[in-house]
Amino acid sequence: MLWTLAFWKGAAERSIKTFAATLAGLIAGDGIGIVDVDWGSAAGVAALATTVTLLIAIGNADFVAGDSQIK
C-alpha cells in the first residue's frame, strides 16, 4: 500500500493539515501580532510536526491509503 497513489494523496493531505494547524497554533498561542512572529522557528516546529505525521502515515500505510478491509 505504501507505493500507491491513494497512500501518497492521504499522506500529503494529512501532512499539509498538520503543518497548517501547527503553524496556526504557534502564531495564535504566542499572543503577539503576526508581524512579530519568529517565522523561522514557527516553520521549523511545523516542519517537525509534519515529518512526524508522515512517519506515522508510513507506519500505518494501509489505513492512510483508505483500505476498507482493515479491521
PDB file of N, CA and C in Angstrom:
ATOM      1  N   MET A   1       0.803  -1.207   0.000  1.00  0.00           N
ATOM      2  CA  MET A   1       0.000   0.000   0.000  1.00  0.00           C
ATOM      3  C   MET A   1       0.842   1.265   0.000  1.00  0.00           C
ATOM      4  N   LEU A   2       2.079   1.184   0.423  1.00  0.00           N
ATOM      5  CA  LEU A   2       2.928   2.357   0.564  1.00  0.00           C
ATOM      6  C   LEU A   2       3.209   3.042  -0.762  1.00  0.00           C
ATOM      7  N   TRP A   3       3.276   2.295  -1.827  1.00  0.00           N
ATOM      8  CA  TRP A   3       3.647   2.873  -3.115  1.00  0.00           C
ATOM      9  C   TRP A   3       2.439   3.133  -4.014  1.00  0.00           C
ATOM     10  N   THR A   4       1.288   3.335  -3.442  1.00  0.00           N
ATOM     11  CA  THR A   4       0.099   3.623  -4.239  1.00  0.00           C
ATOM     12  C   THR A   4      -0.193   5.126  -4.230  1.00  0.00           C
ATOM     13  N   LEU A   5      -0.900   5.563  -5.236  1.00  0.00           N
ATOM     14  CA  LEU A   5      -1.300   6.965  -5.305  1.00  0.00           C
ATOM     15  C   LEU A   5      -2.229   7.326  -4.144  1.00  0.00           C
ATOM     16  N   ALA A   6      -3.089   6.399  -3.768  1.00  0.00           N
ATOM     17  CA  ALA A   6      -4.018   6.656  -2.658  1.00  0.00           C
ATOM     18  C   ALA A   6      -3.257   6.935  -1.368  1.00  0.00           C
ATOM     19  N   PHE A   7      -2.182   6.192  -1.121  1.00  0.00           N
ATOM     20  CA  PHE A   7      -1.386   6.420   0.085  1.00  0.00           C
ATOM     21  C   PHE A   7      -0.796   7.824   0.069  1.00  0.00           C
ATOM     22  N   TRP A   8      -0.156   8.200  -1.023  1.00  0.00           N
ATOM     23  CA  TRP A   8       0.530   9.483  -1.085  1.00  0.00           C
ATOM     24  C   TRP A   8      -0.441  10.655  -1.060  1.00  0.00           C
ATOM     25  N   LYS A   9      -1.629  10.469  -1.614  1.00  0.00           N
ATOM     26  CA  LYS A   9      -2.655  11.517  -1.511  1.00  0.00           C
ATOM     27  C   LYS A   9      -3.079  11.697  -0.053  1.00  0.00           C
ATOM     28  N   GLY A  10      -3.342  10.581   0.611  1.00  0.00           N
ATOM     29  CA  GLY A  10      -3.738  10.648   2.020  1.00  0.00           C
ATOM     30  C   GLY A  10      -2.637  11.216   2.897  1.00  0.00           C
ATOM     31  N   ALA A  11      -1.404  10.786   2.664  1.00  0.00           N
ATOM     32  CA  ALA A  11      -0.271  11.271   3.455  1.00  0.00           C
ATOM     33  C   ALA A  11      -0.038  12.764   3.211  1.00  0.00           C
ATOM     34  N   ALA A  12      -0.162  13.196   1.973  1.00  0.00           N
ATOM     35  CA  ALA A  12       0.022  14.616   1.662  1.00  0.00           C
ATOM     36  C   ALA A  12      -1.054  15.465   2.326  1.00  0.00           C
ATOM     37  N   GLU A  13      -2.290  14.991   2.266  1.00  0.00           N
ATOM     38  CA  GLU A  13      -3.382  15.739   2.892  1.00  0.00           C
ATOM     39  C   GLU A  13      -3.151  15.872   4.394  1.00  0.00           C
ATOM     40  N   ARG A  14      -2.806  14.788   5.048  1.00  0.00           N
ATOM     41  CA  ARG A  14      -2.562  14.829   6.491  1.00  0.00           C
ATOM     42  C   ARG A  14      -1.370  15.722   6.829  1.00  0.00           C
ATOM     43  N   SER A  15      -0.331  15.653   6.023  1.00  0.00           N
ATOM     44  CA  SER A  15       0.867  16.453   6.282  1.00  0.00           C
ATOM     45  C   SER A  15       0.594  17.949   6.132  1.00  0.00           C
ATOM     46  N   ILE A  16      -0.139  18.314   5.097  1.00  0.00           N
ATOM     47  CA  ILE A  16      -0.469  19.730   4.880  1.00  0.00           C
ATOM     48  C   ILE A  16      -1.338  20.251   6.018  1.00  0.00           C
ATOM     49  N   LYS A  17      -2.312  19.459   6.435  1.00  0.00           N
ATOM     50  CA  LYS A  17      -3.184  19.866   7.539  1.00  0.00           C
ATOM     51  C   LYS A  17      -2.389  20.005   8.835  1.00  0.00           C
ATOM     52  N   THR A  18      -1.462  19.093   9.085  1.00  0.00           N
ATOM     53  CA  THR A  18      -0.640  19.160  10.288  1.00  0.00           C
ATOM     54  C   THR A  18       0.225  20.411  10.277  1.00  0.00           C
ATOM     55  N   PHE A  19       0.860  20.697   9.138  1.00  0.00           N
ATOM     56  CA  PHE A  19       1.701  21.886   9.029  1.00  0.00           C
ATOM     57  C   PHE A  19       0.883  23.139   9.312  1.00  0.00           C
ATOM     58  N   ALA A  20      -0.264  23.251   8.662  1.00  0.00           N
ATOM     59  CA  ALA A  20      -1.105  24.441   8.825  1.00  0.00           C
ATOM     60  C   ALA A  20      -1.613  24.589  10.256  1.00  0.00           C
ATOM     61  N   ALA A  21      -2.065  23.499  10.842  1.00  0.00           N
ATOM     62  CA  ALA A  21      -2.600  23.565  12.200  1.00  0.00           C
ATOM     63  C   ALA A  21      -1.509  23.906  13.217  1.00  0.00           C
ATOM     64  N   THR A  22      -0.337  23.331  13.043  1.00  0.00           N
ATOM     65  CA  THR A  22       0.765  23.619  13.954  1.00  0.00           C
ATOM     66  C   THR A  22       1.201  25.071  13.838  1.00  0.00           C
ATOM     67  N   LEU A  23       1.339  25.545  12.617  1.00  0.00           N
ATOM     68  CA  LEU A  23       1.743  26.927  12.403  1.00  0.00           C
ATOM     69  C   LEU A  23       0.700  27.894  12.973  1.00  0.00           C
ATOM     70  N   ALA A  24      -0.571  27.621  12.735  1.00  0.00           N
ATOM     71  CA  ALA A  24      -1.636  28.479  13.265  1.00  0.00           C
ATOM     72  C   ALA A  24      -1.637  28.464  14.793  1.00  0.00           C
ATOM     73  N   GLY A  25      -1.423  27.292  15.383  1.00  0.00           N
ATOM     74  CA  GLY A  25      -1.386  27.191  16.839  1.00  0.00           C
ATOM     75  C   GLY A  25      -0.227  27.969  17.440  1.00  0.00           C
ATOM     76  N   LEU A  26       0.915  27.920  16.788  1.00  0.00           N
ATOM     77  CA  LEU A  26       2.074  28.661  17.291  1.00  0.00           C
ATOM     78  C   LEU A  26       1.869  30.165  17.176  1.00  0.00           C
ATOM     79  N   ILE A  27       1.277  30.597  16.085  1.00  0.00           N
ATOM     80  CA  ILE A  27       1.036  32.026  15.893  1.00  0.00           C
ATOM     81  C   ILE A  27       0.007  32.525  16.905  1.00  0.00           C
ATOM     82  N   ALA A  28      -1.096  31.811  17.031  1.00  0.00           N
ATOM     83  CA  ALA A  28      -2.166  32.223  17.946  1.00  0.00           C
ATOM     84  C   ALA A  28      -1.753  32.065  19.400  1.00  0.00           C
ATOM     85  N   GLY A  29      -1.027  31.008  19.693  1.00  0.00           N
ATOM     86  CA  GLY A  29      -0.627  30.734  21.071  1.00  0.00           C
ATOM     87  C   GLY A  29       0.425  31.684  21.589  1.00  0.00           C
ATOM     88  N   ASP A  30       1.157  32.308  20.692  1.00  0.00           N
ATOM     89  CA  ASP A  30       2.204  33.228  21.102  1.00  0.00           C
ATOM     90  C   ASP A  30       1.620  34.532  21.647  1.00  0.00           C
ATOM     91  N   GLY A  31       0.419  34.852  21.225  1.00  0.00           N
ATOM     92  CA  GLY A  31      -0.263  36.038  21.736  1.00  0.00           C
ATOM     93  C   GLY A  31       0.327  37.344  21.247  1.00  0.00           C
ATOM     94  N   ILE A  32       1.061  37.294  20.155  1.00  0.00           N
ATOM     95  CA  ILE A  32       1.645  38.517  19.610  1.00  0.00           C
ATOM     96  C   ILE A  32       1.111  38.745  18.207  1.00  0.00           C
ATOM     97  N   GLY A  33       1.399  39.890  17.680  1.00  0.00           N
ATOM     98  CA  GLY A  33       0.941  40.212  16.338  1.00  0.00           C
ATOM     99  C   GLY A  33       1.644  39.360  15.292  1.00  0.00           C
ATOM    100  N   ILE A  34       1.005  39.203  14.156  1.00  0.00           N
ATOM    101  CA  ILE A  34       1.540  38.359  13.081  1.00  0.00           C
ATOM    102  C   ILE A  34       2.862  38.905  12.546  1.00  0.00           C
ATOM    103  N   VAL A  35       3.077  40.198  12.685  1.00  0.00           N
ATOM    104  CA  VAL A  35       4.318  40.803  12.218  1.00  0.00           C
ATOM    105  C   VAL A  35       5.491  40.415  13.121  1.00  0.00           C
ATOM    106  N   ASP A  36       5.204  40.158  14.388  1.00  0.00           N
ATOM    107  CA  ASP A  36       6.251  39.875  15.374  1.00  0.00           C
ATOM    108  C   ASP A  36       6.597  38.398  15.505  1.00  0.00           C
ATOM    109  N   VAL A  37       5.988  37.542  14.720  1.00  0.00           N
ATOM    110  CA  VAL A  37       6.221  36.099  14.824  1.00  0.00           C
ATOM    111  C   VAL A  37       7.630  35.761  14.329  1.00  0.00           C
ATOM    112  N   ASP A  38       8.312  34.892  15.046  1.00  0.00           N
ATOM    113  CA  ASP A  38       9.600  34.370  14.585  1.00  0.00           C
ATOM    114  C   ASP A  38       9.281  33.270  13.575  1.00  0.00           C
ATOM    115  N   TRP A  39       9.189  33.652  12.298  1.00  0.00           N
ATOM    116  CA  TRP A  39       8.728  32.744  11.252  1.00  0.00           C
ATOM    117  C   TRP A  39       9.657  31.558  11.068  1.00  0.00           C
ATOM    118  N   GLY A  40      10.942  31.745  11.259  1.00  0.00           N
ATOM    119  CA  GLY A  40      11.888  30.638  11.109  1.00  0.00           C
ATOM    120  C   GLY A  40      11.637  29.551  12.132  1.00  0.00           C
ATOM    121  N   SER A  41      11.483  29.951  13.378  1.00  0.00           N
ATOM    122  CA  SER A  41      11.219  28.966  14.440  1.00  0.00           C
ATOM    123  C   SER A  41       9.855  28.311  14.263  1.00  0.00           C
ATOM    124  N   ALA A  42       8.846  29.120  13.936  1.00  0.00           N
ATOM    125  CA  ALA A  42       7.499  28.577  13.753  1.00  0.00           C
ATOM    126  C   ALA A  42       7.464  27.576  12.600  1.00  0.00           C
ATOM    127  N   ALA A  43       8.126  27.911  11.496  1.00  0.00           N
ATOM    128  CA  ALA A  43       8.162  26.998  10.353  1.00  0.00           C
ATOM    129  C   ALA A  43       8.947  25.730  10.694  1.00  0.00           C
ATOM    130  N   GLY A  44       9.987  25.867  11.499  1.00  0.00           N
ATOM    131  CA  GLY A  44      10.770  24.695  11.915  1.00  0.00           C
ATOM    132  C   GLY A  44       9.958  23.730  12.761  1.00  0.00           C
ATOM    133  N   VAL A  45       9.205  24.254  13.703  1.00  0.00           N
ATOM    134  CA  VAL A  45       8.360  23.408  14.540  1.00  0.00           C
ATOM    135  C   VAL A  45       7.270  22.752  13.706  1.00  0.00           C
ATOM    136  N   ALA A  46       6.659  23.521  12.798  1.00  0.00           N
ATOM    137  CA  ALA A  46       5.616  22.972  11.923  1.00  0.00           C
ATOM    138  C   ALA A  46       6.192  21.889  11.010  1.00  0.00           C
ATOM    139  N   ALA A  47       7.402  22.098  10.523  1.00  0.00           N
ATOM    140  CA  ALA A  47       8.047  21.089   9.668  1.00  0.00           C
ATOM    141  C   ALA A  47       8.332  19.812  10.450  1.00  0.00           C
ATOM    142  N   LEU A  48       8.754  19.953  11.694  1.00  0.00           N
ATOM    143  CA  LEU A  48       8.984  18.771  12.528  1.00  0.00           C
ATOM    144  C   LEU A  48       7.688  18.000  12.753  1.00  0.00           C
ATOM    145  N   ALA A  49       6.613  18.703  13.052  1.00  0.00           N
ATOM    146  CA  ALA A  49       5.316  18.048  13.233  1.00  0.00           C
ATOM    147  C   ALA A  49       4.871  17.354  11.956  1.00  0.00           C
ATOM    148  N   THR A  50       5.137  17.978  10.825  1.00  0.00           N
ATOM    149  CA  THR A  50       4.785  17.386   9.534  1.00  0.00           C
ATOM    150  C   THR A  50       5.587  16.119   9.279  1.00  0.00           C
ATOM    151  N   THR A  51       6.856  16.132   9.619  1.00  0.00           N
ATOM    152  CA  THR A  51       7.706  14.949   9.463  1.00  0.00           C
ATOM    153  C   THR A  51       7.193  13.800  10.315  1.00  0.00           C
ATOM    154  N   VAL A  52       6.815  14.089  11.538  1.00  0.00           N
ATOM    155  CA  VAL A  52       6.270  13.057  12.421  1.00  0.00           C
ATOM    156  C   VAL A  52       4.981  12.488  11.832  1.00  0.00           C
ATOM    157  N   THR A  53       4.125  13.349  11.311  1.00  0.00           N
ATOM    158  CA  THR A  53       2.885  12.896  10.684  1.00  0.00           C
ATOM    159  C   THR A  53       3.169  11.966   9.511  1.00  0.00           C
ATOM    160  N   LEU A  54       4.137  12.327   8.685  1.00  0.00           N
ATOM    161  CA  LEU A  54       4.485  11.491   7.531  1.00  0.00           C
ATOM    162  C   LEU A  54       5.048  10.142   7.982  1.00  0.00           C
ATOM    163  N   LEU A  55       5.876  10.131   9.018  1.00  0.00           N
ATOM    164  CA  LEU A  55       6.420   8.868   9.531  1.00  0.00           C
ATOM    165  C   LEU A  55       5.319   7.977  10.103  1.00  0.00           C
ATOM    166  N   ILE A  56       4.357   8.579  10.783  1.00  0.00           N
ATOM    167  CA  ILE A  56       3.219   7.815  11.298  1.00  0.00           C
ATOM    168  C   ILE A  56       2.415   7.236  10.142  1.00  0.00           C
ATOM    169  N   ALA A  57       2.226   8.018   9.088  1.00  0.00           N
ATOM    170  CA  ALA A  57       1.488   7.539   7.910  1.00  0.00           C
ATOM    171  C   ALA A  57       2.208   6.345   7.275  1.00  0.00           C
ATOM    172  N   ILE A  58       3.521   6.425   7.169  1.00  0.00           N
ATOM    173  CA  ILE A  58       4.285   5.310   6.600  1.00  0.00           C
ATOM    174  C   ILE A  58       4.149   4.074   7.474  1.00  0.00           C
ATOM    175  N   GLY A  59       4.127   4.266   8.780  1.00  0.00           N
ATOM    176  CA  GLY A  59       3.975   3.145   9.699  1.00  0.00           C
ATOM    177  C   GLY A  59       2.613   2.482   9.629  1.00  0.00           C
ATOM    178  N   ASN A  60       1.627   3.180   9.114  1.00  0.00           N
ATOM    179  CA  ASN A  60       0.269   2.650   9.033  1.00  0.00           C
ATOM    180  C   ASN A  60      -0.274   2.886   7.621  1.00  0.00           C
ATOM    181  N   ALA A  61       0.487   2.461   6.633  1.00  0.00           N
ATOM    182  CA  ALA A  61       0.187   2.769   5.236  1.00  0.00           C
ATOM    183  C   ALA A  61      -1.168   2.256   4.771  1.00  0.00           C
ATOM    184  N   ASP A  62      -1.584   1.106   5.230  1.00  0.00           N
ATOM    185  CA  ASP A  62      -2.870   0.561   4.796  1.00  0.00           C
ATOM    186  C   ASP A  62      -4.022   1.466   5.198  1.00  0.00           C
ATOM    187  N   PHE A  63      -3.978   2.013   6.389  1.00  0.00           N
ATOM    188  CA  PHE A  63      -5.036   2.892   6.858  1.00  0.00           C
ATOM    189  C   PHE A  63      -5.036   4.202   6.071  1.00  0.00           C
ATOM    190  N   VAL A  64      -3.859   4.771   5.859  1.00  0.00           N
ATOM    191  CA  VAL A  64      -3.744   6.043   5.148  1.00  0.00           C
ATOM    192  C   VAL A  64      -4.229   5.915   3.712  1.00  0.00           C
ATOM    193  N   ALA A  65      -3.968   4.765   3.098  1.00  0.00           N
ATOM    194  CA  ALA A  65      -4.368   4.553   1.712  1.00  0.00           C
ATOM    195  C   ALA A  65      -5.864   4.328   1.565  1.00  0.00           C
ATOM    196  N   GLY A  66      -6.552   4.195   2.685  1.00  0.00           N
ATOM    197  CA  GLY A  66      -8.000   4.052   2.636  1.00  0.00           C
ATOM    198  C   GLY A  66      -8.467   2.633   2.384  1.00  0.00           C
ATOM    199  N   ASP A  67      -7.705   1.660   2.843  1.00  0.00           N
ATOM    200  CA  ASP A  67      -8.081   0.257   2.681  1.00  0.00           C
ATOM    201  C   ASP A  67      -9.269  -0.045   3.588  1.00  0.00           C
ATOM    202  N   SER A  68     -10.403  -0.310   2.999  1.00  0.00           N
ATOM    203  CA  SER A  68     -11.617  -0.543   3.789  1.00  0.00           C
ATOM    204  C   SER A  68     -11.644  -1.953   4.396  1.00  0.00           C
ATOM    205  N   GLN A  69     -10.666  -2.772   4.120  1.00  0.00           N
ATOM    206  CA  GLN A  69     -10.632  -4.120   4.652  1.00  0.00           C
ATOM    207  C   GLN A  69      -9.960  -4.220   6.016  1.00  0.00           C
ATOM    208  N   ILE A  70      -9.429  -3.109   6.521  1.00  0.00           N
ATOM    209  CA  ILE A  70      -8.752  -3.115   7.810  1.00  0.00           C
ATOM    210  C   ILE A  70      -9.793  -3.256   8.920  1.00  0.00           C
ATOM    211  N   LYS A  71      -9.507  -4.114   9.861  1.00  0.00           N
ATOM    212  CA  LYS A  71     -10.440  -4.342  10.975  1.00  0.00           C
ATOM    213  C   LYS A  71      -9.802  -4.020  12.273  1.00  0.00           C
TER     214      LYS A  71
END
